[in-house]
Amino acid sequence: MTFQVEITPMAEAQIEQAYRWYRERNPEFADRWFRGLMNTIATLQEKPQRCSLAVEHEIFPEEVRQLLYGKAKNVYRVLFAIRDNTVYALYVRHSAQTALTLHDIEDL
């Protein structure tokens, strides 16, 4: 089964913020990082259940999984939910960021 993949406005904003940060420091790396992240997110079209549950899964009303992207100190977590035939990328967070809390998602 092939899933549709959609990136929520929140995840888009977080990707844009990270891209801008990298672009200010190393434009060539920023472009590679962005392409790689988008290609990695696209892999969710096939078998998104292969990904582990996110640390935060218990604070969401639905099952939330995570897809990891990057190496060493530049690992990002793509938090996503599967609804019917669509995978929704909900949040994109650097692995150094603390886990989302119920308070965090209520403020969004």
PDB file of N, CA and C in Angstrom:
ATOM      1  N   MET A   1       0.840  -1.183   0.000  1.00  0.00           N
ATOM      2  CA  MET A   1       0.000   0.000   0.000  1.00  0.00           C
ATOM      3  C   MET A   1       0.886   1.247   0.000  1.00  0.00           C
ATOM      4  N   THR A   2       0.544   2.182  -0.844  1.00  0.00           N
ATOM      5  CA  THR A   2       1.270   3.452  -0.913  1.00  0.00           C
ATOM      6  C   THR A   2       0.456   4.529  -0.206  1.00  0.00           C
ATOM      7  N   PHE A   3       1.107   5.279   0.639  1.00  0.00           N
ATOM      8  CA  PHE A   3       0.473   6.345   1.397  1.00  0.00           C
ATOM      9  C   PHE A   3       0.747   7.700   0.748  1.00  0.00           C
ATOM     10  N   GLN A   4      -0.192   8.596   0.901  1.00  0.00           N
ATOM     11  CA  GLN A   4       0.010  10.007   0.558  1.00  0.00           C
ATOM     12  C   GLN A   4       0.776  10.621   1.733  1.00  0.00           C
ATOM     13  N   VAL A   5       1.702  11.524   1.477  1.00  0.00           N
ATOM     14  CA  VAL A   5       2.439  12.190   2.552  1.00  0.00           C
ATOM     15  C   VAL A   5       2.151  13.685   2.495  1.00  0.00           C
ATOM     16  N   GLU A   6       1.716  14.235   3.614  1.00  0.00           N
ATOM     17  CA  GLU A   6       1.447  15.664   3.706  1.00  0.00           C
ATOM     18  C   GLU A   6       2.244  16.251   4.871  1.00  0.00           C
ATOM     19  N   ILE A   7       2.785  17.426   4.635  1.00  0.00           N
ATOM     20  CA  ILE A   7       3.542  18.128   5.671  1.00  0.00           C
ATOM     21  C   ILE A   7       2.654  19.248   6.206  1.00  0.00           C
ATOM     22  N   THR A   8       2.418  19.244   7.502  1.00  0.00           N
ATOM     23  CA  THR A   8       1.550  20.254   8.109  1.00  0.00           C
ATOM     24  C   THR A   8       2.241  21.617   8.101  1.00  0.00           C
ATOM     25  N   PRO A   9       1.471  22.691   8.219  1.00  0.00           N
ATOM     26  CA  PRO A   9       2.083  24.026   8.299  1.00  0.00           C
ATOM     27  C   PRO A   9       3.091  24.155   9.439  1.00  0.00           C
ATOM     28  N   MET A  10       2.843  23.510  10.570  1.00  0.00           N
ATOM     29  CA  MET A  10       3.782  23.562  11.693  1.00  0.00           C
ATOM     30  C   MET A  10       5.109  22.926  11.299  1.00  0.00           C
ATOM     31  N   ALA A  11       5.058  21.746  10.702  1.00  0.00           N
ATOM     32  CA  ALA A  11       6.283  21.068  10.279  1.00  0.00           C
ATOM     33  C   ALA A  11       6.993  21.880   9.195  1.00  0.00           C
ATOM     34  N   GLU A  12       6.239  22.455   8.270  1.00  0.00           N
ATOM     35  CA  GLU A  12       6.841  23.301   7.226  1.00  0.00           C
ATOM     36  C   GLU A  12       7.601  24.467   7.842  1.00  0.00           C
ATOM     37  N   ALA A  13       7.006  25.097   8.838  1.00  0.00           N
ATOM     38  CA  ALA A  13       7.645  26.236   9.503  1.00  0.00           C
ATOM     39  C   ALA A  13       8.920  25.789  10.213  1.00  0.00           C
ATOM     40  N   GLN A  14       8.888  24.629  10.839  1.00  0.00           N
ATOM     41  CA  GLN A  14      10.070  24.134  11.543  1.00  0.00           C
ATOM     42  C   GLN A  14      11.185  23.763  10.560  1.00  0.00           C
ATOM     43  N   ILE A  15      10.821  23.201   9.427  1.00  0.00           N
ATOM     44  CA  ILE A  15      11.809  22.890   8.389  1.00  0.00           C
ATOM     45  C   ILE A  15      12.417  24.187   7.866  1.00  0.00           C
ATOM     46  N   GLU A  16      11.583  25.164   7.602  1.00  0.00           N
ATOM     47  CA  GLU A  16      12.058  26.455   7.096  1.00  0.00           C
ATOM     48  C   GLU A  16      13.013  27.121   8.093  1.00  0.00           C
ATOM     49  N   GLN A  17      12.671  27.067   9.354  1.00  0.00           N
ATOM     50  CA  GLN A  17      13.519  27.667  10.390  1.00  0.00           C
ATOM     51  C   GLN A  17      14.896  26.988  10.427  1.00  0.00           C
ATOM     52  N   ALA A  18      14.917  25.676  10.382  1.00  0.00           N
ATOM     53  CA  ALA A  18      16.189  24.952  10.398  1.00  0.00           C
ATOM     54  C   ALA A  18      16.984  25.240   9.124  1.00  0.00           C
ATOM     55  N   TYR A  19      16.304  25.272   7.993  1.00  0.00           N
ATOM     56  CA  TYR A  19      16.974  25.556   6.724  1.00  0.00           C
ATOM     57  C   TYR A  19      17.631  26.936   6.759  1.00  0.00           C
ATOM     58  N   ARG A  20      16.888  27.930   7.238  1.00  0.00           N
ATOM     59  CA  ARG A  20      17.451  29.287   7.322  1.00  0.00           C
ATOM     60  C   ARG A  20      18.674  29.316   8.239  1.00  0.00           C
ATOM     61  N   TRP A  21      18.613  28.614   9.346  1.00  0.00           N
ATOM     62  CA  TRP A  21      19.739  28.571  10.278  1.00  0.00           C
ATOM     63  C   TRP A  21      20.970  27.991   9.584  1.00  0.00           C
ATOM     64  N   TYR A  22      20.788  26.853   8.908  1.00  0.00           N
ATOM     65  CA  TYR A  22      21.904  26.241   8.183  1.00  0.00           C
ATOM     66  C   TYR A  22      22.380  27.142   7.043  1.00  0.00           C
ATOM     67  N   ARG A  23      21.449  27.782   6.354  1.00  0.00           N
ATOM     68  CA  ARG A  23      21.801  28.620   5.196  1.00  0.00           C
ATOM     69  C   ARG A  23      22.693  29.796   5.610  1.00  0.00           C
ATOM     70  N   GLU A  24      22.450  30.365   6.767  1.00  0.00           N
ATOM     71  CA  GLU A  24      23.280  31.466   7.259  1.00  0.00           C
ATOM     72  C   GLU A  24      24.716  31.011   7.523  1.00  0.00           C
ATOM     73  N   ARG A  25      24.886  29.754   7.847  1.00  0.00           N
ATOM     74  CA  ARG A  25      26.199  29.247   8.222  1.00  0.00           C
ATOM     75  C   ARG A  25      26.924  28.540   7.071  1.00  0.00           C
ATOM     76  N   ASN A  26      26.151  27.809   6.264  1.00  0.00           N
ATOM     77  CA  ASN A  26      26.749  27.027   5.182  1.00  0.00           C
ATOM     78  C   ASN A  26      25.688  26.754   4.119  1.00  0.00           C
ATOM     79  N   PRO A  27      25.538  27.652   3.134  1.00  0.00           N
ATOM     80  CA  PRO A  27      24.475  27.513   2.129  1.00  0.00           C
ATOM     81  C   PRO A  27      24.494  26.186   1.374  1.00  0.00           C
ATOM     82  N   GLU A  28      25.665  25.700   1.036  1.00  0.00           N
ATOM     83  CA  GLU A  28      25.748  24.433   0.295  1.00  0.00           C
ATOM     84  C   GLU A  28      25.219  23.277   1.143  1.00  0.00           C
ATOM     85  N   PHE A  29      25.620  23.238   2.410  1.00  0.00           N
ATOM     86  CA  PHE A  29      25.124  22.199   3.312  1.00  0.00           C
ATOM     87  C   PHE A  29      23.613  22.335   3.492  1.00  0.00           C
ATOM     88  N   ALA A  30      23.129  23.569   3.619  1.00  0.00           N
ATOM     89  CA  ALA A  30      21.695  23.800   3.826  1.00  0.00           C
ATOM     90  C   ALA A  30      20.876  23.189   2.697  1.00  0.00           C
ATOM     91  N   ASP A  31      21.325  23.383   1.467  1.00  0.00           N
ATOM     92  CA  ASP A  31      20.590  22.840   0.321  1.00  0.00           C
ATOM     93  C   ASP A  31      20.612  21.311   0.333  1.00  0.00           C
ATOM     94  N   ARG A  32      21.765  20.714   0.626  1.00  0.00           N
ATOM     95  CA  ARG A  32      21.852  19.245   0.708  1.00  0.00           C
ATOM     96  C   ARG A  32      20.976  18.719   1.835  1.00  0.00           C
ATOM     97  N   TRP A  33      21.028  19.413   2.980  1.00  0.00           N
ATOM     98  CA  TRP A  33      20.227  19.004   4.139  1.00  0.00           C
ATOM     99  C   TRP A  33      18.740  19.018   3.784  1.00  0.00           C
ATOM    100  N   PHE A  34      18.297  20.082   3.156  1.00  0.00           N
ATOM    101  CA  PHE A  34      16.881  20.215   2.810  1.00  0.00           C
ATOM    102  C   PHE A  34      16.451  19.117   1.835  1.00  0.00           C
ATOM    103  N   ARG A  35      17.215  18.917   0.780  1.00  0.00           N
ATOM    104  CA  ARG A  35      16.865  17.867  -0.201  1.00  0.00           C
ATOM    105  C   ARG A  35      16.832  16.500   0.472  1.00  0.00           C
ATOM    106  N   GLY A  36      17.826  16.235   1.310  1.00  0.00           N
ATOM    107  CA  GLY A  36      17.868  14.951   2.004  1.00  0.00           C
ATOM    108  C   GLY A  36      16.682  14.753   2.928  1.00  0.00           C
ATOM    109  N   LEU A  37      16.321  15.799   3.657  1.00  0.00           N
ATOM    110  CA  LEU A  37      15.172  15.707   4.562  1.00  0.00           C
ATOM    111  C   LEU A  37      13.897  15.434   3.775  1.00  0.00           C
ATOM    112  N   MET A  38      13.684  16.156   2.689  1.00  0.00           N
ATOM    113  CA  MET A  38      12.465  15.968   1.903  1.00  0.00           C
ATOM    114  C   MET A  38      12.427  14.568   1.287  1.00  0.00           C
ATOM    115  N   ASN A  39      13.568  14.076   0.828  1.00  0.00           N
ATOM    116  CA  ASN A  39      13.616  12.712   0.289  1.00  0.00           C
ATOM    117  C   ASN A  39      13.331  11.680   1.373  1.00  0.00           C
ATOM    118  N   THR A  40      13.838  11.934   2.572  1.00  0.00           N
ATOM    119  CA  THR A  40      13.592  11.020   3.691  1.00  0.00           C
ATOM    120  C   THR A  40      12.117  11.015   4.073  1.00  0.00           C
ATOM    121  N   ILE A  41      11.512  12.186   4.136  1.00  0.00           N
ATOM    122  CA  ILE A  41      10.080  12.262   4.440  1.00  0.00           C
ATOM    123  C   ILE A  41       9.273  11.524   3.377  1.00  0.00           C
ATOM    124  N   ALA A  42       9.685  11.637   2.127  1.00  0.00           N
ATOM    125  CA  ALA A  42       8.977  10.953   1.035  1.00  0.00           C
ATOM    126  C   ALA A  42       8.993   9.438   1.199  1.00  0.00           C
ATOM    127  N   THR A  43       9.982   8.890   1.908  1.00  0.00           N
ATOM    128  CA  THR A  43      10.028   7.436   2.107  1.00  0.00           C
ATOM    129  C   THR A  43       8.857   6.940   2.952  1.00  0.00           C
ATOM    130  N   LEU A  44       8.166   7.868   3.604  1.00  0.00           N
ATOM    131  CA  LEU A  44       7.002   7.469   4.413  1.00  0.00           C
ATOM    132  C   LEU A  44       5.843   6.988   3.539  1.00  0.00           C
ATOM    133  N   GLN A  45       5.968   7.155   2.235  1.00  0.00           N
ATOM    134  CA  GLN A  45       4.941   6.639   1.322  1.00  0.00           C
ATOM    135  C   GLN A  45       4.853   5.118   1.420  1.00  0.00           C
ATOM    136  N   GLU A  46       5.969   4.500   1.748  1.00  0.00           N
ATOM    137  CA  GLU A  46       6.036   3.041   1.851  1.00  0.00           C
ATOM    138  C   GLU A  46       6.327   2.636   3.293  1.00  0.00           C
ATOM    139  N   LYS A  47       5.488   1.852   3.862  1.00  0.00           N
ATOM    140  CA  LYS A  47       5.685   1.258   5.189  1.00  0.00           C
ATOM    141  C   LYS A  47       6.022   2.265   6.297  1.00  0.00           C
ATOM    142  N   PRO A  48       5.195   3.253   6.536  1.00  0.00           N
ATOM    143  CA  PRO A  48       5.494   4.203   7.616  1.00  0.00           C
ATOM    144  C   PRO A  48       5.464   3.545   9.000  1.00  0.00           C
ATOM    145  N   GLN A  49       4.804   2.403   9.115  1.00  0.00           N
ATOM    146  CA  GLN A  49       4.744   1.706  10.399  1.00  0.00           C
ATOM    147  C   GLN A  49       6.097   1.140  10.804  1.00  0.00           C
ATOM    148  N   ARG A  50       7.080   1.162   9.892  1.00  0.00           N
ATOM    149  CA  ARG A  50       8.425   0.667  10.208  1.00  0.00           C
ATOM    150  C   ARG A  50       9.103   1.533  11.261  1.00  0.00           C
ATOM    151  N   CYS A  51       8.635   2.765  11.399  1.00  0.00           N
ATOM    152  CA  CYS A  51       9.244   3.722  12.321  1.00  0.00           C
ATOM    153  C   CYS A  51       8.725   3.505  13.740  1.00  0.00           C
ATOM    154  N   SER A  52       9.586   3.775  14.695  1.00  0.00           N
ATOM    155  CA  SER A  52       9.218   3.569  16.102  1.00  0.00           C
ATOM    156  C   SER A  52       8.253   4.647  16.587  1.00  0.00           C
ATOM    157  N   LEU A  53       7.586   4.335  17.673  1.00  0.00           N
ATOM    158  CA  LEU A  53       6.734   5.335  18.314  1.00  0.00           C
ATOM    159  C   LEU A  53       7.610   6.462  18.844  1.00  0.00           C
ATOM    160  N   ALA A  54       7.122   7.667  18.733  1.00  0.00           N
ATOM    161  CA  ALA A  54       7.846   8.823  19.267  1.00  0.00           C
ATOM    162  C   ALA A  54       7.794   8.783  20.788  1.00  0.00           C
ATOM    163  N   VAL A  55       8.789   9.359  21.409  1.00  0.00           N
ATOM    164  CA  VAL A  55       8.822   9.445  22.872  1.00  0.00           C
ATOM    165  C   VAL A  55       7.533  10.093  23.370  1.00  0.00           C
ATOM    166  N   GLU A  56       7.041  11.059  22.614  1.00  0.00           N
ATOM    167  CA  GLU A  56       5.855  11.829  23.013  1.00  0.00           C
ATOM    168  C   GLU A  56       4.533  11.156  22.690  1.00  0.00           C
ATOM    169  N   HIS A  57       4.535   9.963  22.139  1.00  0.00           N
ATOM    170  CA  HIS A  57       3.295   9.380  21.609  1.00  0.00           C
ATOM    171  C   HIS A  57       2.135   9.361  22.610  1.00  0.00           C
ATOM    172  N   GLU A  58       2.428   9.263  23.868  1.00  0.00           N
ATOM    173  CA  GLU A  58       1.362   9.165  24.871  1.00  0.00           C
ATOM    174  C   GLU A  58       0.606  10.477  25.092  1.00  0.00           C
ATOM    175  N   ILE A  59       1.179  11.606  24.694  1.00  0.00           N
ATOM    176  CA  ILE A  59       0.485  12.885  24.912  1.00  0.00           C
ATOM    177  C   ILE A  59      -0.436  13.239  23.751  1.00  0.00           C
ATOM    178  N   PHE A  60      -0.394  12.457  22.691  1.00  0.00           N
ATOM    179  CA  PHE A  60      -1.244  12.713  21.531  1.00  0.00           C
ATOM    180  C   PHE A  60      -2.475  11.810  21.567  1.00  0.00           C
ATOM    181  N   PRO A  61      -3.571  12.272  20.991  1.00  0.00           N
ATOM    182  CA  PRO A  61      -4.781  11.450  20.962  1.00  0.00           C
ATOM    183  C   PRO A  61      -4.707  10.326  19.923  1.00  0.00           C
ATOM    184  N   GLU A  62      -3.647  10.284  19.148  1.00  0.00           N
ATOM    185  CA  GLU A  62      -3.459   9.255  18.129  1.00  0.00           C
ATOM    186  C   GLU A  62      -2.020   8.748  18.202  1.00  0.00           C
ATOM    187  N   GLU A  63      -1.754   7.659  17.517  1.00  0.00           N
ATOM    188  CA  GLU A  63      -0.411   7.102  17.497  1.00  0.00           C
ATOM    189  C   GLU A  63       0.516   8.029  16.710  1.00  0.00           C
ATOM    190  N   VAL A  64       1.605   8.452  17.335  1.00  0.00           N
ATOM    191  CA  VAL A  64       2.585   9.323  16.685  1.00  0.00           C
ATOM    192  C   VAL A  64       3.927   8.602  16.667  1.00  0.00           C
ATOM    193  N   ARG A  65       4.477   8.507  15.475  1.00  0.00           N
ATOM    194  CA  ARG A  65       5.744   7.816  15.257  1.00  0.00           C
ATOM    195  C   ARG A  65       6.818   8.835  14.886  1.00  0.00           C
ATOM    196  N   GLN A  66       8.057   8.374  14.828  1.00  0.00           N
ATOM    197  CA  GLN A  66       9.142   9.275  14.455  1.00  0.00           C
ATOM    198  C   GLN A  66      10.020   8.638  13.392  1.00  0.00           C
ATOM    199  N   LEU A  67      10.453   9.462  12.471  1.00  0.00           N
ATOM    200  CA  LEU A  67      11.405   9.095  11.437  1.00  0.00           C
ATOM    201  C   LEU A  67      12.652   9.926  11.691  1.00  0.00           C
ATOM    202  N   LEU A  68      13.798   9.283  11.774  1.00  0.00           N
ATOM    203  CA  LEU A  68      15.039  10.001  12.050  1.00  0.00           C
ATOM    204  C   LEU A  68      15.745  10.358  10.747  1.00  0.00           C
ATOM    205  N   TYR A  69      16.317  11.569  10.719  1.00  0.00           N
ATOM    206  CA  TYR A  69      17.078  12.020   9.560  1.00  0.00           C
ATOM    207  C   TYR A  69      18.342  12.729  10.030  1.00  0.00           C
ATOM    208  N   GLY A  70      19.476  12.373   9.452  1.00  0.00           N
ATOM    209  CA  GLY A  70      20.729  13.044   9.757  1.00  0.00           C
ATOM    210  C   GLY A  70      21.718  12.122  10.434  1.00  0.00           C
ATOM    211  N   LYS A  71      22.859  12.706  10.770  1.00  0.00           N
ATOM    212  CA  LYS A  71      23.949  11.947  11.388  1.00  0.00           C
ATOM    213  C   LYS A  71      24.525  12.722  12.562  1.00  0.00           C
ATOM    214  N   ALA A  72      25.116  11.976  13.465  1.00  0.00           N
ATOM    215  CA  ALA A  72      25.868  12.533  14.598  1.00  0.00           C
ATOM    216  C   ALA A  72      25.067  13.600  15.344  1.00  0.00           C
ATOM    217  N   LYS A  73      25.552  14.835  15.331  1.00  0.00           N
ATOM    218  CA  LYS A  73      24.897  15.914  16.078  1.00  0.00           C
ATOM    219  C   LYS A  73      23.784  16.592  15.278  1.00  0.00           C
ATOM    220  N   ASN A  74      23.576  16.182  14.045  1.00  0.00           N
ATOM    221  CA  ASN A  74      22.562  16.816  13.202  1.00  0.00           C
ATOM    222  C   ASN A  74      21.401  15.875  12.895  1.00  0.00           C
ATOM    223  N   VAL A  75      20.910  15.193  13.913  1.00  0.00           N
ATOM    224  CA  VAL A  75      19.777  14.291  13.723  1.00  0.00           C
ATOM    225  C   VAL A  75      18.480  15.041  14.016  1.00  0.00           C
ATOM    226  N   TYR A  76      17.537  14.903  13.098  1.00  0.00           N
ATOM    227  CA  TYR A  76      16.211  15.497  13.262  1.00  0.00           C
ATOM    228  C   TYR A  76      15.188  14.384  13.378  1.00  0.00           C
ATOM    229  N   ARG A  77      14.169  14.654  14.150  1.00  0.00           N
ATOM    230  CA  ARG A  77      13.065  13.711  14.318  1.00  0.00           C
ATOM    231  C   ARG A  77      11.846  14.280  13.596  1.00  0.00           C
ATOM    232  N   VAL A  78      11.310  13.506  12.671  1.00  0.00           N
ATOM    233  CA  VAL A  78      10.072  13.881  11.990  1.00  0.00           C
ATOM    234  C   VAL A  78       8.962  13.121  12.710  1.00  0.00           C
ATOM    235  N   LEU A  79       8.125  13.851  13.439  1.00  0.00           N
ATOM    236  CA  LEU A  79       7.011  13.228  14.155  1.00  0.00           C
ATOM    237  C   LEU A  79       5.820  13.195  13.209  1.00  0.00           C
ATOM    238  N   PHE A  80       5.207  12.029  13.076  1.00  0.00           N
ATOM    239  CA  PHE A  80       4.120  11.899  12.108  1.00  0.00           C
ATOM    240  C   PHE A  80       3.013  10.984  12.619  1.00  0.00           C
ATOM    241  N   ALA A  81       1.845  11.156  12.012  1.00  0.00           N
ATOM    242  CA  ALA A  81       0.687  10.325  12.316  1.00  0.00           C
ATOM    243  C   ALA A  81       0.162   9.739  11.010  1.00  0.00           C
ATOM    244  N   ILE A  82      -0.390   8.547  11.116  1.00  0.00           N
ATOM    245  CA  ILE A  82      -0.980   7.890   9.955  1.00  0.00           C
ATOM    246  C   ILE A  82      -2.493   7.933  10.139  1.00  0.00           C
ATOM    247  N   ARG A  83      -3.160   8.536   9.170  1.00  0.00           N
ATOM    248  CA  ARG A  83      -4.627   8.613   9.193  1.00  0.00           C
ATOM    249  C   ARG A  83      -5.143   8.081   7.860  1.00  0.00           C
ATOM    250  N   ASP A  84      -5.791   6.945   7.929  1.00  0.00           N
ATOM    251  CA  ASP A  84      -6.269   6.266   6.728  1.00  0.00           C
ATOM    252  C   ASP A  84      -5.103   6.031   5.766  1.00  0.00           C
ATOM    253  N   ASN A  85      -5.144   6.613   4.589  1.00  0.00           N
ATOM    254  CA  ASN A  85      -4.100   6.404   3.581  1.00  0.00           C
ATOM    255  C   ASN A  85      -3.125   7.578   3.498  1.00  0.00           C
ATOM    256  N   THR A  86      -3.114   8.428   4.521  1.00  0.00           N
ATOM    257  CA  THR A  86      -2.269   9.610   4.499  1.00  0.00           C
ATOM    258  C   THR A  86      -1.363   9.638   5.731  1.00  0.00           C
ATOM    259  N   VAL A  87      -0.103   9.986   5.490  1.00  0.00           N
ATOM    260  CA  VAL A  87       0.861  10.204   6.565  1.00  0.00           C
ATOM    261  C   VAL A  87       1.007  11.713   6.706  1.00  0.00           C
ATOM    262  N   TYR A  88       0.796  12.207   7.911  1.00  0.00           N
ATOM    263  CA  TYR A  88       0.923  13.639   8.188  1.00  0.00           C
ATOM    264  C   TYR A  88       2.186  13.891   9.001  1.00  0.00           C
ATOM    265  N   ALA A  89       3.134  14.627   8.409  1.00  0.00           N
ATOM    266  CA  ALA A  89       4.319  15.061   9.149  1.00  0.00           C
ATOM    267  C   ALA A  89       3.860  16.220  10.030  1.00  0.00           C
ATOM    268  N   LEU A  90       3.864  16.011  11.329  1.00  0.00           N
ATOM    269  CA  LEU A  90       3.315  16.972  12.281  1.00  0.00           C
ATOM    270  C   LEU A  90       4.347  17.975  12.780  1.00  0.00           C
ATOM    271  N   TYR A  91       5.527  17.464  13.138  1.00  0.00           N
ATOM    272  CA  TYR A  91       6.584  18.297  13.710  1.00  0.00           C
ATOM    273  C   TYR A  91       7.934  17.801  13.196  1.00  0.00           C
ATOM    274  N   VAL A  92       8.887  18.705  13.084  1.00  0.00           N
ATOM    275  CA  VAL A  92      10.264  18.351  12.755  1.00  0.00           C
ATOM    276  C   VAL A  92      11.127  19.019  13.813  1.00  0.00           C
ATOM    277  N   ARG A  93      11.806  18.184  14.609  1.00  0.00           N
ATOM    278  CA  ARG A  93      12.553  18.699  15.761  1.00  0.00           C
ATOM    279  C   ARG A  93      13.969  18.146  15.764  1.00  0.00           C
ATOM    280  N   HIS A  94      14.917  18.994  16.131  1.00  0.00           N
ATOM    281  CA  HIS A  94      16.295  18.541  16.293  1.00  0.00           C
ATOM    282  C   HIS A  94      16.333  17.603  17.492  1.00  0.00           C
ATOM    283  N   SER A  95      17.157  16.581  17.398  1.00  0.00           N
ATOM    284  CA  SER A  95      17.203  15.588  18.480  1.00  0.00           C
ATOM    285  C   SER A  95      17.702  16.174  19.799  1.00  0.00           C
ATOM    286  N   ALA A  96      18.378  17.316  19.754  1.00  0.00           N
ATOM    287  CA  ALA A  96      18.842  17.951  20.984  1.00  0.00           C
ATOM    288  C   ALA A  96      17.716  18.701  21.701  1.00  0.00           C
ATOM    289  N   GLN A  97      16.613  18.948  21.001  1.00  0.00           N
ATOM    290  CA  GLN A  97      15.485  19.627  21.640  1.00  0.00           C
ATOM    291  C   GLN A  97      14.796  18.660  22.603  1.00  0.00           C
ATOM    292  N   THR A  98      14.259  19.209  23.675  1.00  0.00           N
ATOM    293  CA  THR A  98      13.538  18.366  24.621  1.00  0.00           C
ATOM    294  C   THR A  98      12.274  17.824  23.959  1.00  0.00           C
ATOM    295  N   ALA A  99      11.786  16.747  24.490  1.00  0.00           N
ATOM    296  CA  ALA A  99      10.555  16.147  23.965  1.00  0.00           C
ATOM    297  C   ALA A  99       9.394  17.120  24.151  1.00  0.00           C
ATOM    298  N   LEU A 100       8.454  17.057  23.226  1.00  0.00           N
ATOM    299  CA  LEU A 100       7.255  17.883  23.354  1.00  0.00           C
ATOM    300  C   LEU A 100       6.489  17.469  24.607  1.00  0.00           C
ATOM    301  N   THR A 101       5.829  18.426  25.209  1.00  0.00           N
ATOM    302  CA  THR A 101       4.970  18.153  26.352  1.00  0.00           C
ATOM    303  C   THR A 101       3.527  18.450  25.961  1.00  0.00           C
ATOM    304  N   LEU A 102       2.601  18.023  26.772  1.00  0.00           N
ATOM    305  CA  LEU A 102       1.208  18.320  26.528  1.00  0.00           C
ATOM    306  C   LEU A 102       0.987  19.828  26.462  1.00  0.00           C
ATOM    307  N   HIS A 103       1.683  20.556  27.311  1.00  0.00           N
ATOM    308  CA  HIS A 103       1.597  22.016  27.316  1.00  0.00           C
ATOM    309  C   HIS A 103       2.062  22.593  25.968  1.00  0.00           C
ATOM    310  N   ASP A 104       3.134  22.048  25.405  1.00  0.00           N
ATOM    311  CA  ASP A 104       3.649  22.512  24.123  1.00  0.00           C
ATOM    312  C   ASP A 104       2.613  22.370  23.013  1.00  0.00           C
ATOM    313  N   ILE A 105       1.973  21.212  22.947  1.00  0.00           N
ATOM    314  CA  ILE A 105       1.034  21.006  21.837  1.00  0.00           C
ATOM    315  C   ILE A 105      -0.259  21.749  22.048  1.00  0.00           C
ATOM    316  N   GLU A 106      -0.625  22.033  23.293  1.00  0.00           N
ATOM    317  CA  GLU A 106      -1.825  22.819  23.547  1.00  0.00           C
ATOM    318  C   GLU A 106      -1.608  24.275  23.166  1.00  0.00           C
ATOM    319  N   ASP A 107      -0.362  24.764  23.245  1.00  0.00           N
ATOM    320  CA  ASP A 107      -0.040  26.145  22.912  1.00  0.00           C
ATOM    321  C   ASP A 107       0.041  26.376  21.407  1.00  0.00           C
ATOM    322  N   LEU A 108       0.051  25.314  20.629  1.00  0.00           N
ATOM    323  CA  LEU A 108       0.223  25.475  19.177  1.00  0.00           C
ATOM    324  C   LEU A 108      -1.066  25.745  18.462  1.00  0.00           C
TER     325      LEU A 108
END
